[in-house]
Amino acid sequence: HRTKPQTAAVGLTDSPAGLAAWIVEKM
C-alpha cells in the first residue's frame, strides 16, 4: 500500500477474484 499502490491497483481493478482475495486477506 505504501510503496507500490498503483501496481497492486491495476491488477485488483482488473480482477474481481483478485480484489476479493486482497480485501478478505486484509479484513
PDB file of all heavy atoms in Angstrom:
ATOM      1  N   HIS A   1       0.836  -1.203   0.000  1.00  0.00           N
ATOM      2  CA  HIS A   1       0.000   0.000   0.000  1.00  0.00           C
ATOM      3  C   HIS A   1       0.872   1.255   0.000  1.00  0.00           C
ATOM      4  O   HIS A   1       0.566   2.227  -0.680  1.00  0.00           O
ATOM      5  CB  HIS A   1      -0.880   0.045   1.262  1.00  0.00           C
ATOM      6  CG  HIS A   1      -2.073  -0.835   1.216  1.00  0.00           C
ATOM      7  ND1 HIS A   1      -2.008  -2.182   1.394  1.00  0.00           N
ATOM      8  CD2 HIS A   1      -3.375  -0.550   1.021  1.00  0.00           C
ATOM      9  CE1 HIS A   1      -3.219  -2.703   1.320  1.00  0.00           C
ATOM     10  NE2 HIS A   1      -4.069  -1.735   1.093  1.00  0.00           N
ATOM     11  N   ARG A   2       1.914   1.226   0.794  1.00  0.00           N
ATOM     12  CA  ARG A   2       2.748   2.407   0.970  1.00  0.00           C
ATOM     13  C   ARG A   2       3.776   2.585  -0.132  1.00  0.00           C
ATOM     14  O   ARG A   2       4.145   3.702  -0.458  1.00  0.00           O
ATOM     15  CB  ARG A   2       3.440   2.320   2.329  1.00  0.00           C
ATOM     16  CG  ARG A   2       4.015   3.645   2.784  1.00  0.00           C
ATOM     17  CD  ARG A   2       4.688   3.510   4.102  1.00  0.00           C
ATOM     18  NE  ARG A   2       5.821   2.613   3.917  1.00  0.00           N
ATOM     19  CZ  ARG A   2       6.405   1.927   4.875  1.00  0.00           C
ATOM     20  NH1 ARG A   2       5.977   2.014   6.086  1.00  0.00           N
ATOM     21  NH2 ARG A   2       7.409   1.147   4.618  1.00  0.00           N
ATOM     22  N   THR A   3       4.257   1.500  -0.709  1.00  0.00           N
ATOM     23  CA  THR A   3       5.367   1.618  -1.645  1.00  0.00           C
ATOM     24  C   THR A   3       4.974   1.525  -3.113  1.00  0.00           C
ATOM     25  O   THR A   3       5.574   2.183  -3.948  1.00  0.00           O
ATOM     26  CB  THR A   3       6.436   0.543  -1.359  1.00  0.00           C
ATOM     27  OG1 THR A   3       5.836  -0.748  -1.473  1.00  0.00           O
ATOM     28  CG2 THR A   3       7.028   0.724   0.041  1.00  0.00           C
ATOM     29  N   LYS A   4       3.992   0.697  -3.442  1.00  0.00           N
ATOM     30  CA  LYS A   4       3.620   0.485  -4.848  1.00  0.00           C
ATOM     31  C   LYS A   4       2.109   0.323  -5.005  1.00  0.00           C
ATOM     32  O   LYS A   4       1.639  -0.678  -5.555  1.00  0.00           O
ATOM     33  CB  LYS A   4       4.337  -0.754  -5.399  1.00  0.00           C
ATOM     34  CG  LYS A   4       5.847  -0.651  -5.365  1.00  0.00           C
ATOM     35  CD  LYS A   4       6.469  -1.983  -5.777  1.00  0.00           C
ATOM     36  CE  LYS A   4       7.957  -1.932  -5.653  1.00  0.00           C
ATOM     37  NZ  LYS A   4       8.424  -2.087  -4.299  1.00  0.00           N
ATOM     38  N   PRO A   5       1.327   1.296  -4.564  1.00  0.00           N
ATOM     39  CA  PRO A   5      -0.128   1.112  -4.611  1.00  0.00           C
ATOM     40  C   PRO A   5      -0.682   0.952  -6.026  1.00  0.00           C
ATOM     41  O   PRO A   5      -1.620   0.184  -6.240  1.00  0.00           O
ATOM     42  CB  PRO A   5      -0.677   2.362  -3.933  1.00  0.00           C
ATOM     43  CG  PRO A   5       0.405   3.380  -4.086  1.00  0.00           C
ATOM     44  CD  PRO A   5       1.697   2.601  -4.020  1.00  0.00           C
ATOM     45  N   GLN A   6      -0.118   1.637  -7.000  1.00  0.00           N
ATOM     46  CA  GLN A   6      -0.658   1.539  -8.357  1.00  0.00           C
ATOM     47  C   GLN A   6      -0.416   0.172  -8.978  1.00  0.00           C
ATOM     48  O   GLN A   6      -1.215  -0.304  -9.763  1.00  0.00           O
ATOM     49  CB  GLN A   6      -0.089   2.634  -9.257  1.00  0.00           C
ATOM     50  CG  GLN A   6      -0.791   3.964  -9.118  1.00  0.00           C
ATOM     51  CD  GLN A   6      -2.300   3.867  -9.247  1.00  0.00           C
ATOM     52  OE1 GLN A   6      -3.023   4.047  -8.272  1.00  0.00           O
ATOM     53  NE2 GLN A   6      -2.805   3.590 -10.433  1.00  0.00           N
ATOM     54  N   THR A   7       0.701  -0.455  -8.632  1.00  0.00           N
ATOM     55  CA  THR A   7       0.980  -1.790  -9.168  1.00  0.00           C
ATOM     56  C   THR A   7      -0.119  -2.762  -8.749  1.00  0.00           C
ATOM     57  O   THR A   7      -0.674  -3.490  -9.577  1.00  0.00           O
ATOM     58  CB  THR A   7       2.356  -2.289  -8.680  1.00  0.00           C
ATOM     59  OG1 THR A   7       3.347  -1.348  -9.071  1.00  0.00           O
ATOM     60  CG2 THR A   7       2.681  -3.656  -9.238  1.00  0.00           C
ATOM     61  N   ALA A   8      -0.434  -2.760  -7.477  1.00  0.00           N
ATOM     62  CA  ALA A   8      -1.498  -3.637  -6.991  1.00  0.00           C
ATOM     63  C   ALA A   8      -2.847  -3.198  -7.535  1.00  0.00           C
ATOM     64  O   ALA A   8      -3.671  -4.035  -7.925  1.00  0.00           O
ATOM     65  CB  ALA A   8      -1.518  -3.635  -5.468  1.00  0.00           C
ATOM     66  N   ALA A   9      -3.088  -1.896  -7.589  1.00  0.00           N
ATOM     67  CA  ALA A   9      -4.393  -1.386  -8.011  1.00  0.00           C
ATOM     68  C   ALA A   9      -4.759  -1.821  -9.424  1.00  0.00           C
ATOM     69  O   ALA A   9      -5.919  -2.149  -9.692  1.00  0.00           O
ATOM     70  CB  ALA A   9      -4.418   0.134  -7.903  1.00  0.00           C
ATOM     71  N   VAL A  10      -3.789  -1.846 -10.334  1.00  0.00           N
ATOM     72  CA  VAL A  10      -4.080  -2.247 -11.713  1.00  0.00           C
ATOM     73  C   VAL A  10      -4.619  -3.669 -11.756  1.00  0.00           C
ATOM     74  O   VAL A  10      -5.652  -3.949 -12.364  1.00  0.00           O
ATOM     75  CB  VAL A  10      -2.836  -2.093 -12.617  1.00  0.00           C
ATOM     76  CG1 VAL A  10      -3.060  -2.740 -13.965  1.00  0.00           C
ATOM     77  CG2 VAL A  10      -2.487  -0.620 -12.779  1.00  0.00           C
ATOM     78  N   GLY A  11      -3.939  -4.581 -11.100  1.00  0.00           N
ATOM     79  CA  GLY A  11      -4.394  -5.969 -11.090  1.00  0.00           C
ATOM     80  C   GLY A  11      -5.707  -6.150 -10.357  1.00  0.00           C
ATOM     81  O   GLY A  11      -6.579  -6.908 -10.798  1.00  0.00           O
ATOM     82  N   LEU A  12      -5.883  -5.440  -9.246  1.00  0.00           N
ATOM     83  CA  LEU A  12      -7.102  -5.601  -8.454  1.00  0.00           C
ATOM     84  C   LEU A  12      -8.307  -4.982  -9.145  1.00  0.00           C
ATOM     85  O   LEU A  12      -9.432  -5.463  -8.992  1.00  0.00           O
ATOM     86  CB  LEU A  12      -6.907  -4.996  -7.067  1.00  0.00           C
ATOM     87  CG  LEU A  12      -5.795  -5.643  -6.227  1.00  0.00           C
ATOM     88  CD1 LEU A  12      -5.618  -4.895  -4.919  1.00  0.00           C
ATOM     89  CD2 LEU A  12      -6.075  -7.109  -5.996  1.00  0.00           C
ATOM     90  N   THR A  13      -8.081  -3.934  -9.916  1.00  0.00           N
ATOM     91  CA  THR A  13      -9.170  -3.298 -10.649  1.00  0.00           C
ATOM     92  C   THR A  13      -9.606  -4.157 -11.832  1.00  0.00           C
ATOM     93  O   THR A  13     -10.734  -4.061 -12.303  1.00  0.00           O
ATOM     94  CB  THR A  13      -8.738  -1.895 -11.119  1.00  0.00           C
ATOM     95  OG1 THR A  13      -8.403  -1.122  -9.956  1.00  0.00           O
ATOM     96  CG2 THR A  13      -9.834  -1.177 -11.867  1.00  0.00           C
ATOM     97  N   ASP A  14      -8.718  -5.023 -12.292  1.00  0.00           N
ATOM     98  CA  ASP A  14      -9.000  -5.862 -13.462  1.00  0.00           C
ATOM     99  C   ASP A  14      -9.558  -7.235 -13.100  1.00  0.00           C
ATOM    100  O   ASP A  14     -10.063  -7.933 -13.969  1.00  0.00           O
ATOM    101  CB  ASP A  14      -7.699  -6.032 -14.269  1.00  0.00           C
ATOM    102  CG  ASP A  14      -7.948  -6.597 -15.642  1.00  0.00           C
ATOM    103  OD1 ASP A  14      -8.839  -6.073 -16.340  1.00  0.00           O
ATOM    104  OD2 ASP A  14      -7.263  -7.559 -16.017  1.00  0.00           O
ATOM    105  N   SER A  15      -9.484  -7.611 -11.844  1.00  0.00           N
ATOM    106  CA  SER A  15      -9.887  -8.968 -11.468  1.00  0.00           C
ATOM    107  C   SER A  15     -10.771  -8.964 -10.223  1.00  0.00           C
ATOM    108  O   SER A  15     -10.285  -8.693  -9.117  1.00  0.00           O
ATOM    109  CB  SER A  15      -8.640  -9.817 -11.183  1.00  0.00           C
ATOM    110  OG  SER A  15      -9.001 -11.031 -10.571  1.00  0.00           O
ATOM    111  N   PRO A  16     -12.046  -9.293 -10.385  1.00  0.00           N
ATOM    112  CA  PRO A  16     -12.902  -9.340  -9.192  1.00  0.00           C
ATOM    113  C   PRO A  16     -12.454 -10.411  -8.196  1.00  0.00           C
ATOM    114  O   PRO A  16     -12.544 -10.209  -6.984  1.00  0.00           O
ATOM    115  CB  PRO A  16     -14.298  -9.627  -9.742  1.00  0.00           C
ATOM    116  CG  PRO A  16     -14.100 -10.102 -11.133  1.00  0.00           C
ATOM    117  CD  PRO A  16     -12.783  -9.582 -11.610  1.00  0.00           C
ATOM    118  N   ALA A  17     -11.931 -11.523  -8.693  1.00  0.00           N
ATOM    119  CA  ALA A  17     -11.448 -12.571  -7.783  1.00  0.00           C
ATOM    120  C   ALA A  17     -10.209 -12.087  -7.037  1.00  0.00           C
ATOM    121  O   ALA A  17     -10.065 -12.325  -5.828  1.00  0.00           O
ATOM    122  CB  ALA A  17     -11.135 -13.851  -8.553  1.00  0.00           C
ATOM    123  N   GLY A  18      -9.314 -11.408  -7.735  1.00  0.00           N
ATOM    124  CA  GLY A  18      -8.124 -10.859  -7.092  1.00  0.00           C
ATOM    125  C   GLY A  18      -8.486  -9.805  -6.060  1.00  0.00           C
ATOM    126  O   GLY A  18      -7.923  -9.770  -4.964  1.00  0.00           O
ATOM    127  N   LEU A  19      -9.425  -8.945  -6.406  1.00  0.00           N
ATOM    128  CA  LEU A  19      -9.875  -7.909  -5.475  1.00  0.00           C
ATOM    129  C   LEU A  19     -10.478  -8.544  -4.225  1.00  0.00           C
ATOM    130  O   LEU A  19     -10.162  -8.143  -3.100  1.00  0.00           O
ATOM    131  CB  LEU A  19     -10.899  -6.997  -6.152  1.00  0.00           C
ATOM    132  CG  LEU A  19     -11.492  -5.907  -5.268  1.00  0.00           C
ATOM    133  CD1 LEU A  19     -10.427  -4.903  -4.834  1.00  0.00           C
ATOM    134  CD2 LEU A  19     -12.629  -5.200  -5.990  1.00  0.00           C
ATOM    135  N   ALA A  20     -11.319  -9.548  -4.422  1.00  0.00           N
ATOM    136  CA  ALA A  20     -11.938 -10.225  -3.272  1.00  0.00           C
ATOM    137  C   ALA A  20     -10.879 -10.866  -2.389  1.00  0.00           C
ATOM    138  O   ALA A  20     -10.924 -10.741  -1.157  1.00  0.00           O
ATOM    139  CB  ALA A  20     -12.946 -11.272  -3.757  1.00  0.00           C
ATOM    140  N   ALA A  21      -9.903 -11.532  -3.004  1.00  0.00           N
ATOM    141  CA  ALA A  21      -8.841 -12.167  -2.220  1.00  0.00           C
ATOM    142  C   ALA A  21      -8.056 -11.135  -1.431  1.00  0.00           C
ATOM    143  O   ALA A  21      -7.734 -11.336  -0.251  1.00  0.00           O
ATOM    144  CB  ALA A  21      -7.911 -12.957  -3.144  1.00  0.00           C
ATOM    145  N   TRP A  22      -7.726 -10.017  -2.052  1.00  0.00           N
ATOM    146  CA  TRP A  22      -6.961  -8.947  -1.402  1.00  0.00           C
ATOM    147  C   TRP A  22      -7.732  -8.392  -0.207  1.00  0.00           C
ATOM    148  O   TRP A  22      -7.199  -8.276   0.894  1.00  0.00           O
ATOM    149  CB  TRP A  22      -6.677  -7.835  -2.417  1.00  0.00           C
ATOM    150  CG  TRP A  22      -5.868  -6.709  -1.888  1.00  0.00           C
ATOM    151  CD1 TRP A  22      -6.326  -5.567  -1.295  1.00  0.00           C
ATOM    152  CD2 TRP A  22      -4.440  -6.584  -1.896  1.00  0.00           C
ATOM    153  NE1 TRP A  22      -5.281  -4.753  -0.946  1.00  0.00           N
ATOM    154  CE2 TRP A  22      -4.119  -5.362  -1.308  1.00  0.00           C
ATOM    155  CE3 TRP A  22      -3.428  -7.410  -2.367  1.00  0.00           C
ATOM    156  CZ2 TRP A  22      -2.808  -4.929  -1.174  1.00  0.00           C
ATOM    157  CZ3 TRP A  22      -2.119  -6.970  -2.219  1.00  0.00           C
ATOM    158  CH2 TRP A  22      -1.826  -5.748  -1.621  1.00  0.00           C
ATOM    159  N   ILE A  23      -8.990  -8.059  -0.416  1.00  0.00           N
ATOM    160  CA  ILE A  23      -9.793  -7.456   0.650  1.00  0.00           C
ATOM    161  C   ILE A  23     -10.019  -8.444   1.794  1.00  0.00           C
ATOM    162  O   ILE A  23      -9.892  -8.075   2.966  1.00  0.00           O
ATOM    163  CB  ILE A  23     -11.123  -6.919   0.084  1.00  0.00           C
ATOM    164  CG1 ILE A  23     -10.829  -5.677  -0.774  1.00  0.00           C
ATOM    165  CG2 ILE A  23     -12.114  -6.598   1.193  1.00  0.00           C
ATOM    166  CD1 ILE A  23     -12.022  -5.112  -1.499  1.00  0.00           C
ATOM    167  N   VAL A  24     -10.324  -9.688   1.480  1.00  0.00           N
ATOM    168  CA  VAL A  24     -10.542 -10.683   2.533  1.00  0.00           C
ATOM    169  C   VAL A  24      -9.273 -10.873   3.362  1.00  0.00           C
ATOM    170  O   VAL A  24      -9.322 -10.937   4.597  1.00  0.00           O
ATOM    171  CB  VAL A  24     -11.038 -12.022   1.945  1.00  0.00           C
ATOM    172  CG1 VAL A  24     -10.995 -13.134   2.987  1.00  0.00           C
ATOM    173  CG2 VAL A  24     -12.455 -11.852   1.396  1.00  0.00           C
ATOM    174  N   GLU A  25      -8.126 -10.924   2.701  1.00  0.00           N
ATOM    175  CA  GLU A  25      -6.857 -11.078   3.445  1.00  0.00           C
ATOM    176  C   GLU A  25      -6.641  -9.895   4.387  1.00  0.00           C
ATOM    177  O   GLU A  25      -6.243 -10.071   5.533  1.00  0.00           O
ATOM    178  CB  GLU A  25      -5.691 -11.220   2.457  1.00  0.00           C
ATOM    179  CG  GLU A  25      -4.363 -11.523   3.119  1.00  0.00           C
ATOM    180  CD  GLU A  25      -3.621 -10.288   3.630  1.00  0.00           C
ATOM    181  OE1 GLU A  25      -3.707  -9.228   2.971  1.00  0.00           O
ATOM    182  OE2 GLU A  25      -2.975 -10.388   4.691  1.00  0.00           O
ATOM    183  N   LYS A  26      -6.909  -8.677   3.933  1.00  0.00           N
ATOM    184  CA  LYS A  26      -6.740  -7.501   4.792  1.00  0.00           C
ATOM    185  C   LYS A  26      -7.753  -7.514   5.933  1.00  0.00           C
ATOM    186  O   LYS A  26      -7.423  -7.173   7.069  1.00  0.00           O
ATOM    187  CB  LYS A  26      -6.876  -6.202   3.984  1.00  0.00           C
ATOM    188  CG  LYS A  26      -5.825  -6.027   2.911  1.00  0.00           C
ATOM    189  CD  LYS A  26      -4.426  -6.038   3.488  1.00  0.00           C
ATOM    190  CE  LYS A  26      -3.387  -6.008   2.406  1.00  0.00           C
ATOM    191  NZ  LYS A  26      -2.463  -7.132   2.442  1.00  0.00           N
ATOM    192  N   MET A  27      -8.987  -7.905   5.635  1.00  0.00           N
ATOM    193  CA  MET A  27     -10.001  -7.949   6.692  1.00  0.00           C
ATOM    194  C   MET A  27      -9.608  -8.953   7.775  1.00  0.00           C
ATOM    195  O   MET A  27      -9.857  -8.726   8.955  1.00  0.00           O
ATOM    196  CB  MET A  27     -11.372  -8.290   6.101  1.00  0.00           C
ATOM    197  CG  MET A  27     -11.956  -7.166   5.264  1.00  0.00           C
ATOM    198  SD  MET A  27     -13.495  -7.608   4.443  1.00  0.00           S
ATOM    199  CE  MET A  27     -14.637  -7.519   5.802  1.00  0.00           C
TER     200      MET A  27
END
